[in-house]
Amino acid sequence: MIDANAVIHPDAKLGKNVTVGPFTYIGADVEIGDDTWIGSHVVVKGPCKIGKGNKLFQFCSIGEECQDKKYQGEPTRVEIGDNNVFRECCTVHRGTVQDQGLTKIGSDNLFMAYTHVAHDCVVGSHVILANNASIAGHVRVDDWAILGGMTGVHQFVHIGAHAFTAGYSLVLQDVPPFVMASGQSAVPRAINTEGLKRRQFDKESISAIRKAYKLLYRSGLTTAEALPQLRELAKEHPHVGEMAEFVENSSRGIVR
């Protein structure tokens, strides 16, 4: 159902069974997949492609020009997968030509009220950003990560899969997979044991991840010294390999 007070550009493409509430604006070069629900007072601008089954609550702004002062109106874009929920006043900005020209979001994510995804970010699937969490430009957030309320993430930071940041955290460096971090600036606290249990990680895998965490953070070793031991442990436990690869490829350095 399209409300009579919605404004939809004639070039926009809406799939089957899309609902658009009153006073919502959908611009040119926007594509919205089947069964998507869009509430009132939402703004979606293109180039922007949104998949199936998404929910956009009131006052969301999706696909707006980014806040990077280098941006000069180039036709960059936003791509969003399926079954995401964007609560009140979420903002997602398009990319810049200085990067890939794309802000990309996967599927089955929850963006709580007032969360912000800046230009050129890549967010995986099954991610949660709690109220007022904000990720700056060029940030990458991998699958199943959770950012607590009011978390702020510095540009170019990488948040690993299944990582967790506590509320009010200021994240200035990369957070490896499975790690819980908190503080201003954030430091590692433990592994995300409860999250791993909920996602059906077996006891052996959790034990190996805990051992890898201790090697990295509690052994007194430098990161370079811990990496060979992580790789050795990874031969029997593939999840440790994810952590080792992440640490080895970190460009900003990991939280310490």
C-alpha atoms as a PDB file:
ATOM      1  CA  MET A   1       0.000   0.000   0.000  1.00  0.00           C
ATOM      2  CA  ILE A   2       1.325   3.417  -0.981  1.00  0.00           C
ATOM      3  CA  ASP A   3      -0.062   6.271   1.096  1.00  0.00           C
ATOM      4  CA  ALA A   4      -1.520   9.126  -0.911  1.00  0.00           C
ATOM      5  CA  ASN A   5       0.752  11.587   0.907  1.00  0.00           C
ATOM      6  CA  ALA A   6       3.964   9.760  -0.025  1.00  0.00           C
ATOM      7  CA  VAL A   7       6.158  11.255  -2.753  1.00  0.00           C
ATOM      8  CA  ILE A   8       7.732   8.666  -5.050  1.00  0.00           C
ATOM      9  CA  HIS A   9       9.884   9.624  -8.013  1.00  0.00           C
ATOM     10  CA  PRO A  10       8.606   8.087 -11.250  1.00  0.00           C
ATOM     11  CA  ASP A  11      12.000   6.477 -11.855  1.00  0.00           C
ATOM     12  CA  ALA A  12      11.997   4.642  -8.521  1.00  0.00           C
ATOM     13  CA  LYS A  13      11.384   0.889  -8.703  1.00  0.00           C
ATOM     14  CA  LEU A  14       9.265  -0.736  -6.006  1.00  0.00           C
ATOM     15  CA  GLY A  15       8.763  -4.497  -5.777  1.00  0.00           C
ATOM     16  CA  LYS A  16       5.646  -6.426  -4.886  1.00  0.00           C
ATOM     17  CA  ASN A  17       3.759  -5.828  -1.644  1.00  0.00           C
ATOM     18  CA  VAL A  18       5.792  -2.751  -0.650  1.00  0.00           C
ATOM     19  CA  THR A  19       4.190  -0.463   1.932  1.00  0.00           C
ATOM     20  CA  VAL A  20       5.061   3.252   2.013  1.00  0.00           C
ATOM     21  CA  GLY A  21       3.710   5.484   4.770  1.00  0.00           C
ATOM     22  CA  PRO A  22       2.600   9.120   4.656  1.00  0.00           C
ATOM     23  CA  PHE A  23       5.032  11.959   3.981  1.00  0.00           C
ATOM     24  CA  THR A  24       7.798   9.573   2.924  1.00  0.00           C
ATOM     25  CA  TYR A  25      10.010  10.586   0.004  1.00  0.00           C
ATOM     26  CA  ILE A  26      11.572   8.024  -2.354  1.00  0.00           C
ATOM     27  CA  GLY A  27      13.887   9.546  -4.935  1.00  0.00           C
ATOM     28  CA  ALA A  28      15.192   8.680  -8.373  1.00  0.00           C
ATOM     29  CA  ASP A  29      17.472   5.689  -8.924  1.00  0.00           C
ATOM     30  CA  VAL A  30      16.066   3.877  -5.900  1.00  0.00           C
ATOM     31  CA  GLU A  31      15.182   0.191  -6.051  1.00  0.00           C
ATOM     32  CA  ILE A  32      13.220  -1.419  -3.220  1.00  0.00           C
ATOM     33  CA  GLY A  33      12.600  -5.168  -3.008  1.00  0.00           C
ATOM     34  CA  ASP A  34       9.416  -7.114  -2.354  1.00  0.00           C
ATOM     35  CA  ASP A  35       7.636  -7.096   1.015  1.00  0.00           C
ATOM     36  CA  THR A  36       9.526  -4.086   2.344  1.00  0.00           C
ATOM     37  CA  TRP A  37       7.697  -1.886   4.852  1.00  0.00           C
ATOM     38  CA  ILE A  38       8.511   1.826   4.996  1.00  0.00           C
ATOM     39  CA  GLY A  39       6.894   3.969   7.664  1.00  0.00           C
ATOM     40  CA  SER A  40       6.064   7.665   7.660  1.00  0.00           C
ATOM     41  CA  HIS A  41       8.493  10.552   7.141  1.00  0.00           C
ATOM     42  CA  VAL A  42      11.266   8.360   5.707  1.00  0.00           C
ATOM     43  CA  VAL A  43      13.691   9.645   3.063  1.00  0.00           C
ATOM     44  CA  VAL A  44      15.361   7.246   0.613  1.00  0.00           C
ATOM     45  CA  LYS A  45      17.634   8.745  -2.040  1.00  0.00           C
ATOM     46  CA  GLY A  46      19.588   7.103  -4.826  1.00  0.00           C
ATOM     47  CA  PRO A  47      21.562   5.586  -6.203  1.00  0.00           C
ATOM     48  CA  CYS A  48      20.319   3.080  -3.653  1.00  0.00           C
ATOM     49  CA  LYS A  49      19.258  -0.563  -3.824  1.00  0.00           C
ATOM     50  CA  ILE A  50      17.331  -2.115  -0.944  1.00  0.00           C
ATOM     51  CA  GLY A  51      16.495  -5.826  -0.909  1.00  0.00           C
ATOM     52  CA  LYS A  52      13.440  -7.767   0.246  1.00  0.00           C
ATOM     53  CA  GLY A  53      11.611  -7.779   3.553  1.00  0.00           C
ATOM     54  CA  ASN A  54      13.254  -4.731   5.102  1.00  0.00           C
ATOM     55  CA  LYS A  55      11.559  -2.452   7.641  1.00  0.00           C
ATOM     56  CA  LEU A  56      12.310   1.273   7.749  1.00  0.00           C
ATOM     57  CA  PHE A  57      10.745   3.118  10.669  1.00  0.00           C
ATOM     58  CA  GLN A  58       9.843   6.795  10.822  1.00  0.00           C
ATOM     59  CA  PHE A  59      12.418   9.484  10.102  1.00  0.00           C
ATOM     60  CA  CYS A  60      15.058   7.148   8.677  1.00  0.00           C
ATOM     61  CA  SER A  61      17.338   8.697   6.050  1.00  0.00           C
ATOM     62  CA  ILE A  62      18.829   6.135   3.694  1.00  0.00           C
ATOM     63  CA  GLY A  63      21.123   6.936   0.744  1.00  0.00           C
ATOM     64  CA  GLU A  64      21.719  10.594   1.493  1.00  0.00           C
ATOM     65  CA  GLU A  65      24.904  12.381   0.404  1.00  0.00           C
ATOM     66  CA  CYS A  66      27.750  11.675   2.791  1.00  0.00           C
ATOM     67  CA  GLN A  67      29.259  14.144   5.256  1.00  0.00           C
ATOM     68  CA  ASP A  68      32.778  13.844   3.836  1.00  0.00           C
ATOM     69  CA  LYS A  69      33.939  17.303   2.681  1.00  0.00           C
ATOM     70  CA  LYS A  70      35.738  15.689  -0.263  1.00  0.00           C
ATOM     71  CA  TYR A  71      32.395  14.580  -1.683  1.00  0.00           C
ATOM     72  CA  GLN A  72      31.500  16.592  -4.776  1.00  0.00           C
ATOM     73  CA  GLY A  73      28.200  15.053  -5.816  1.00  0.00           C
ATOM     74  CA  GLU A  74      29.576  11.961  -7.575  1.00  0.00           C
ATOM     75  CA  PRO A  75      27.009   9.178  -8.230  1.00  0.00           C
ATOM     76  CA  THR A  76      28.069   6.867  -5.409  1.00  0.00           C
ATOM     77  CA  ARG A  77      25.614   4.386  -3.941  1.00  0.00           C
ATOM     78  CA  VAL A  78      24.161   2.354  -1.084  1.00  0.00           C
ATOM     79  CA  GLU A  79      23.341  -1.358  -1.291  1.00  0.00           C
ATOM     80  CA  ILE A  80      21.290  -3.094   1.404  1.00  0.00           C
ATOM     81  CA  GLY A  81      20.390  -6.785   1.603  1.00  0.00           C
ATOM     82  CA  ASP A  82      17.264  -8.476   2.934  1.00  0.00           C
ATOM     83  CA  ASN A  83      15.300  -8.532   6.194  1.00  0.00           C
ATOM     84  CA  ASN A  84      17.041  -5.642   7.921  1.00  0.00           C
ATOM     85  CA  VAL A  85      15.337  -3.429  10.493  1.00  0.00           C
ATOM     86  CA  PHE A  86      16.143   0.278  10.646  1.00  0.00           C
ATOM     87  CA  ARG A  87      14.521   1.873  13.665  1.00  0.00           C
ATOM     88  CA  GLU A  88      13.646   5.521  14.181  1.00  0.00           C
ATOM     89  CA  CYS A  89      16.036   8.164  12.832  1.00  0.00           C
ATOM     90  CA  CYS A  90      18.696   5.796  11.430  1.00  0.00           C
ATOM     91  CA  THR A  91      21.025   7.340   8.851  1.00  0.00           C
ATOM     92  CA  VAL A  92      22.953   5.502   6.114  1.00  0.00           C
ATOM     93  CA  HIS A  93      25.105   7.583   3.749  1.00  0.00           C
ATOM     94  CA  ARG A  94      26.405   6.846   0.265  1.00  0.00           C
ATOM     95  CA  GLY A  95      30.081   6.121  -0.434  1.00  0.00           C
ATOM     96  CA  THR A  96      32.852   8.255  -1.916  1.00  0.00           C
ATOM     97  CA  VAL A  97      34.984   7.894  -5.030  1.00  0.00           C
ATOM     98  CA  GLN A  98      38.051   7.951  -2.781  1.00  0.00           C
ATOM     99  CA  ASP A  99      37.022   4.429  -1.740  1.00  0.00           C
ATOM    100  CA  GLN A 100      34.803   1.988  -3.681  1.00  0.00           C
ATOM    101  CA  GLY A 101      31.951   4.469  -4.054  1.00  0.00           C
ATOM    102  CA  LEU A 102      29.720   2.120  -2.069  1.00  0.00           C
ATOM    103  CA  THR A 103      28.236   1.790   1.395  1.00  0.00           C
ATOM    104  CA  LYS A 104      27.154  -1.836   1.726  1.00  0.00           C
ATOM    105  CA  ILE A 105      24.955  -3.569   4.303  1.00  0.00           C
ATOM    106  CA  GLY A 106      24.168  -7.291   4.349  1.00  0.00           C
ATOM    107  CA  SER A 107      21.040  -9.040   5.637  1.00  0.00           C
ATOM    108  CA  ASP A 108      19.226  -9.738   8.909  1.00  0.00           C
ATOM    109  CA  ASN A 109      20.708  -6.772  10.752  1.00  0.00           C
ATOM    110  CA  LEU A 110      19.127  -4.604  13.446  1.00  0.00           C
ATOM    111  CA  PHE A 111      19.937  -0.903  13.518  1.00  0.00           C
ATOM    112  CA  MET A 112      18.318   0.550  16.608  1.00  0.00           C
ATOM    113  CA  ALA A 113      17.153   4.163  16.933  1.00  0.00           C
ATOM    114  CA  TYR A 114      19.541   6.973  15.978  1.00  0.00           C
ATOM    115  CA  THR A 115      22.305   4.713  14.703  1.00  0.00           C
ATOM    116  CA  HIS A 116      24.564   5.995  11.920  1.00  0.00           C
ATOM    117  CA  VAL A 117      26.389   4.173   9.113  1.00  0.00           C
ATOM    118  CA  ALA A 118      28.777   6.570   7.408  1.00  0.00           C
ATOM    119  CA  HIS A 119      30.152   6.618   3.879  1.00  0.00           C
ATOM    120  CA  ASP A 120      32.040   3.614   2.488  1.00  0.00           C
ATOM    121  CA  CYS A 121      31.221   1.338   5.429  1.00  0.00           C
ATOM    122  CA  VAL A 122      30.756  -2.387   4.914  1.00  0.00           C
ATOM    123  CA  VAL A 123      28.436  -4.079   7.399  1.00  0.00           C
ATOM    124  CA  GLY A 124      27.954  -7.848   7.235  1.00  0.00           C
ATOM    125  CA  SER A 125      24.895  -9.847   8.293  1.00  0.00           C
ATOM    126  CA  HIS A 126      23.258 -10.567  11.672  1.00  0.00           C
ATOM    127  CA  VAL A 127      24.858  -7.420  13.098  1.00  0.00           C
ATOM    128  CA  ILE A 128      23.277  -5.295  15.840  1.00  0.00           C
ATOM    129  CA  LEU A 129      23.947  -1.604  16.393  1.00  0.00           C
ATOM    130  CA  ALA A 130      22.244  -0.572  19.628  1.00  0.00           C
ATOM    131  CA  ASN A 131      20.771   2.890  20.154  1.00  0.00           C
ATOM    132  CA  ASN A 132      23.000   5.796  19.089  1.00  0.00           C
ATOM    133  CA  ALA A 133      25.910   3.600  17.990  1.00  0.00           C
ATOM    134  CA  SER A 134      27.772   5.270  15.125  1.00  0.00           C
ATOM    135  CA  ILE A 135      30.398   3.995  12.739  1.00  0.00           C
ATOM    136  CA  ALA A 136      32.565   6.516  10.910  1.00  0.00           C
ATOM    137  CA  GLY A 137      33.645   6.375   7.287  1.00  0.00           C
ATOM    138  CA  HIS A 138      35.356   3.309   5.810  1.00  0.00           C
ATOM    139  CA  VAL A 139      34.544   1.110   8.838  1.00  0.00           C
ATOM    140  CA  ARG A 140      34.012  -2.609   8.360  1.00  0.00           C
ATOM    141  CA  VAL A 141      31.768  -4.608  10.720  1.00  0.00           C
ATOM    142  CA  ASP A 142      31.763  -8.358  10.184  1.00  0.00           C
ATOM    143  CA  ASP A 143      28.931 -10.863  10.683  1.00  0.00           C
ATOM    144  CA  TRP A 144      27.304 -11.283  14.103  1.00  0.00           C
ATOM    145  CA  ALA A 145      29.119  -8.349  15.711  1.00  0.00           C
ATOM    146  CA  ILE A 146      27.213  -6.281  18.306  1.00  0.00           C
ATOM    147  CA  LEU A 147      27.931  -2.636  19.080  1.00  0.00           C
ATOM    148  CA  GLY A 148      26.477  -1.497  22.381  1.00  0.00           C
ATOM    149  CA  GLY A 149      24.543   1.727  22.795  1.00  0.00           C
ATOM    150  CA  MET A 150      26.481   4.964  22.222  1.00  0.00           C
ATOM    151  CA  THR A 151      29.480   3.097  20.811  1.00  0.00           C
ATOM    152  CA  GLY A 152      31.568   5.311  18.546  1.00  0.00           C
ATOM    153  CA  VAL A 153      33.877   3.699  15.989  1.00  0.00           C
ATOM    154  CA  HIS A 154      36.775   5.631  14.428  1.00  0.00           C
ATOM    155  CA  GLN A 155      37.139   5.722  10.657  1.00  0.00           C
ATOM    156  CA  PHE A 156      38.897   2.775   8.987  1.00  0.00           C
ATOM    157  CA  VAL A 157      38.435   0.520  12.028  1.00  0.00           C
ATOM    158  CA  HIS A 158      37.585  -3.164  11.481  1.00  0.00           C
ATOM    159  CA  ILE A 159      35.243  -4.970  13.900  1.00  0.00           C
ATOM    160  CA  GLY A 160      35.620  -8.741  13.625  1.00  0.00           C
ATOM    161  CA  ALA A 161      32.935 -11.410  13.461  1.00  0.00           C
ATOM    162  CA  HIS A 162      31.157 -12.173  16.752  1.00  0.00           C
ATOM    163  CA  ALA A 163      32.911  -9.264  18.468  1.00  0.00           C
ATOM    164  CA  PHE A 164      31.094  -7.206  21.076  1.00  0.00           C
ATOM    165  CA  THR A 165      31.557  -3.641  22.298  1.00  0.00           C
ATOM    166  CA  ALA A 166      29.989  -2.470  25.530  1.00  0.00           C
ATOM    167  CA  GLY A 167      27.866   0.653  25.763  1.00  0.00           C
ATOM    168  CA  TYR A 168      29.629   4.019  25.536  1.00  0.00           C
ATOM    169  CA  SER A 169      32.781   2.456  24.073  1.00  0.00           C
ATOM    170  CA  LEU A 170      35.126   4.535  21.931  1.00  0.00           C
ATOM    171  CA  VAL A 171      36.766   2.178  19.446  1.00  0.00           C
ATOM    172  CA  LEU A 172      39.983   3.548  17.949  1.00  0.00           C
ATOM    173  CA  GLN A 173      41.616   0.298  16.815  1.00  0.00           C
ATOM    174  CA  ASP A 174      40.501  -3.006  15.312  1.00  0.00           C
ATOM    175  CA  VAL A 175      38.570  -5.464  17.480  1.00  0.00           C
ATOM    176  CA  PRO A 176      39.465  -9.086  16.590  1.00  0.00           C
ATOM    177  CA  PRO A 177      36.786 -11.747  16.082  1.00  0.00           C
ATOM    178  CA  PHE A 178      35.146 -13.123  19.240  1.00  0.00           C
ATOM    179  CA  VAL A 179      36.580 -10.367  21.480  1.00  0.00           C
ATOM    180  CA  MET A 180      34.608  -8.220  23.927  1.00  0.00           C
ATOM    181  CA  ALA A 181      35.922  -4.677  24.295  1.00  0.00           C
ATOM    182  CA  SER A 182      34.899  -1.650  26.316  1.00  0.00           C
ATOM    183  CA  GLY A 183      36.153   1.693  27.542  1.00  0.00           C
ATOM    184  CA  GLN A 184      37.255   5.071  26.243  1.00  0.00           C
ATOM    185  CA  SER A 185      39.324   4.151  24.398  1.00  0.00           C
ATOM    186  CA  ALA A 186      38.180   0.532  24.208  1.00  0.00           C
ATOM    187  CA  VAL A 187      40.407  -2.251  25.496  1.00  0.00           C
ATOM    188  CA  PRO A 188      39.886  -6.042  25.351  1.00  0.00           C
ATOM    189  CA  ARG A 189      38.058  -7.588  28.301  1.00  0.00           C
ATOM    190  CA  ALA A 190      37.330 -11.241  27.424  1.00  0.00           C
ATOM    191  CA  ILE A 191      35.888 -13.370  24.651  1.00  0.00           C
ATOM    192  CA  ASN A 192      32.203 -13.161  23.777  1.00  0.00           C
ATOM    193  CA  THR A 193      31.403 -16.482  25.433  1.00  0.00           C
ATOM    194  CA  GLU A 194      27.671 -15.971  25.787  1.00  0.00           C
ATOM    195  CA  GLY A 195      27.310 -14.892  22.165  1.00  0.00           C
ATOM    196  CA  LEU A 196      29.241 -17.925  20.960  1.00  0.00           C
ATOM    197  CA  LYS A 197      27.051 -20.266  23.011  1.00  0.00           C
ATOM    198  CA  ARG A 198      23.928 -18.699  21.539  1.00  0.00           C
ATOM    199  CA  ARG A 199      25.320 -19.314  18.061  1.00  0.00           C
ATOM    200  CA  GLN A 200      25.940 -22.994  18.769  1.00  0.00           C
ATOM    201  CA  PHE A 201      29.734 -22.940  19.060  1.00  0.00           C
ATOM    202  CA  ASP A 202      30.781 -26.170  20.738  1.00  0.00           C
ATOM    203  CA  LYS A 203      32.776 -26.292  23.985  1.00  0.00           C
ATOM    204  CA  GLU A 204      35.982 -27.313  22.212  1.00  0.00           C
ATOM    205  CA  SER A 205      35.832 -24.338  19.850  1.00  0.00           C
ATOM    206  CA  ILE A 206      35.091 -21.890  22.672  1.00  0.00           C
ATOM    207  CA  SER A 207      37.963 -23.328  24.696  1.00  0.00           C
ATOM    208  CA  ALA A 208      40.342 -22.899  21.742  1.00  0.00           C
ATOM    209  CA  ILE A 209      39.190 -19.304  21.176  1.00  0.00           C
ATOM    210  CA  ARG A 210      39.721 -18.586  24.877  1.00  0.00           C
ATOM    211  CA  LYS A 211      43.242 -20.014  24.652  1.00  0.00           C
ATOM    212  CA  ALA A 212      43.939 -17.856  21.592  1.00  0.00           C
ATOM    213  CA  TYR A 213      42.690 -14.798  23.476  1.00  0.00           C
ATOM    214  CA  LYS A 214      45.034 -15.531  26.373  1.00  0.00           C
ATOM    215  CA  LEU A 215      47.968 -15.946  23.990  1.00  0.00           C
ATOM    216  CA  LEU A 216      47.181 -12.624  22.395  1.00  0.00           C
ATOM    217  CA  TYR A 217      46.346 -10.620  25.499  1.00  0.00           C
ATOM    218  CA  ARG A 218      47.389 -12.368  28.712  1.00  0.00           C
ATOM    219  CA  SER A 219      50.680 -14.093  27.919  1.00  0.00           C
ATOM    220  CA  GLY A 220      52.927 -11.047  27.921  1.00  0.00           C
ATOM    221  CA  LEU A 221      53.772 -11.677  24.264  1.00  0.00           C
ATOM    222  CA  THR A 222      53.766  -8.972  21.631  1.00  0.00           C
ATOM    223  CA  THR A 223      51.324  -9.397  18.776  1.00  0.00           C
ATOM    224  CA  ALA A 224      54.163 -10.503  16.500  1.00  0.00           C
ATOM    225  CA  GLU A 225      55.312 -13.062  19.058  1.00  0.00           C
ATOM    226  CA  ALA A 226      51.793 -14.418  19.614  1.00  0.00           C
ATOM    227  CA  LEU A 227      50.958 -14.885  15.927  1.00  0.00           C
ATOM    228  CA  PRO A 228      53.070 -18.049  15.316  1.00  0.00           C
ATOM    229  CA  GLN A 229      51.420 -19.729  18.295  1.00  0.00           C
ATOM    230  CA  LEU A 230      47.993 -18.694  17.059  1.00  0.00           C
ATOM    231  CA  ARG A 231      48.733 -20.195  13.649  1.00  0.00           C
ATOM    232  CA  GLU A 232      49.858 -23.445  15.285  1.00  0.00           C
ATOM    233  CA  LEU A 233      46.664 -23.613  17.341  1.00  0.00           C
ATOM    234  CA  ALA A 234      44.648 -22.852  14.215  1.00  0.00           C
ATOM    235  CA  LYS A 235      45.812 -26.091  12.584  1.00  0.00           C
ATOM    236  CA  GLU A 236      43.336 -27.951  14.799  1.00  0.00           C
ATOM    237  CA  HIS A 237      40.825 -25.146  15.408  1.00  0.00           C
ATOM    238  CA  PRO A 238      39.749 -23.186  12.309  1.00  0.00           C
ATOM    239  CA  HIS A 239      38.085 -20.399  14.329  1.00  0.00           C
ATOM    240  CA  VAL A 240      41.481 -19.516  15.774  1.00  0.00           C
ATOM    241  CA  GLY A 241      42.651 -19.170  12.197  1.00  0.00           C
ATOM    242  CA  GLU A 242      40.039 -16.440  11.703  1.00  0.00           C
ATOM    243  CA  MET A 243      41.502 -14.543  14.639  1.00  0.00           C
ATOM    244  CA  ALA A 244      45.095 -15.018  13.453  1.00  0.00           C
ATOM    245  CA  GLU A 245      44.273 -13.840   9.931  1.00  0.00           C
ATOM    246  CA  PHE A 246      42.431 -10.810  11.268  1.00  0.00           C
ATOM    247  CA  VAL A 247      45.323  -9.790  13.511  1.00  0.00           C
ATOM    248  CA  GLU A 248      47.893 -10.328  10.778  1.00  0.00           C
ATOM    249  CA  ASN A 249      45.940  -8.172   8.313  1.00  0.00           C
ATOM    250  CA  SER A 250      45.035  -5.370  10.719  1.00  0.00           C
ATOM    251  CA  SER A 251      46.051  -2.018   9.300  1.00  0.00           C
ATOM    252  CA  ARG A 252      45.281   0.089  12.385  1.00  0.00           C
ATOM    253  CA  GLY A 253      46.518  -2.376  14.959  1.00  0.00           C
ATOM    254  CA  ILE A 254      44.253  -4.240  17.359  1.00  0.00           C
ATOM    255  CA  VAL A 255      42.835  -3.042  20.665  1.00  0.00           C
ATOM    256  CA  ARG A 256      45.325  -3.725  23.463  1.00  0.00           C
END
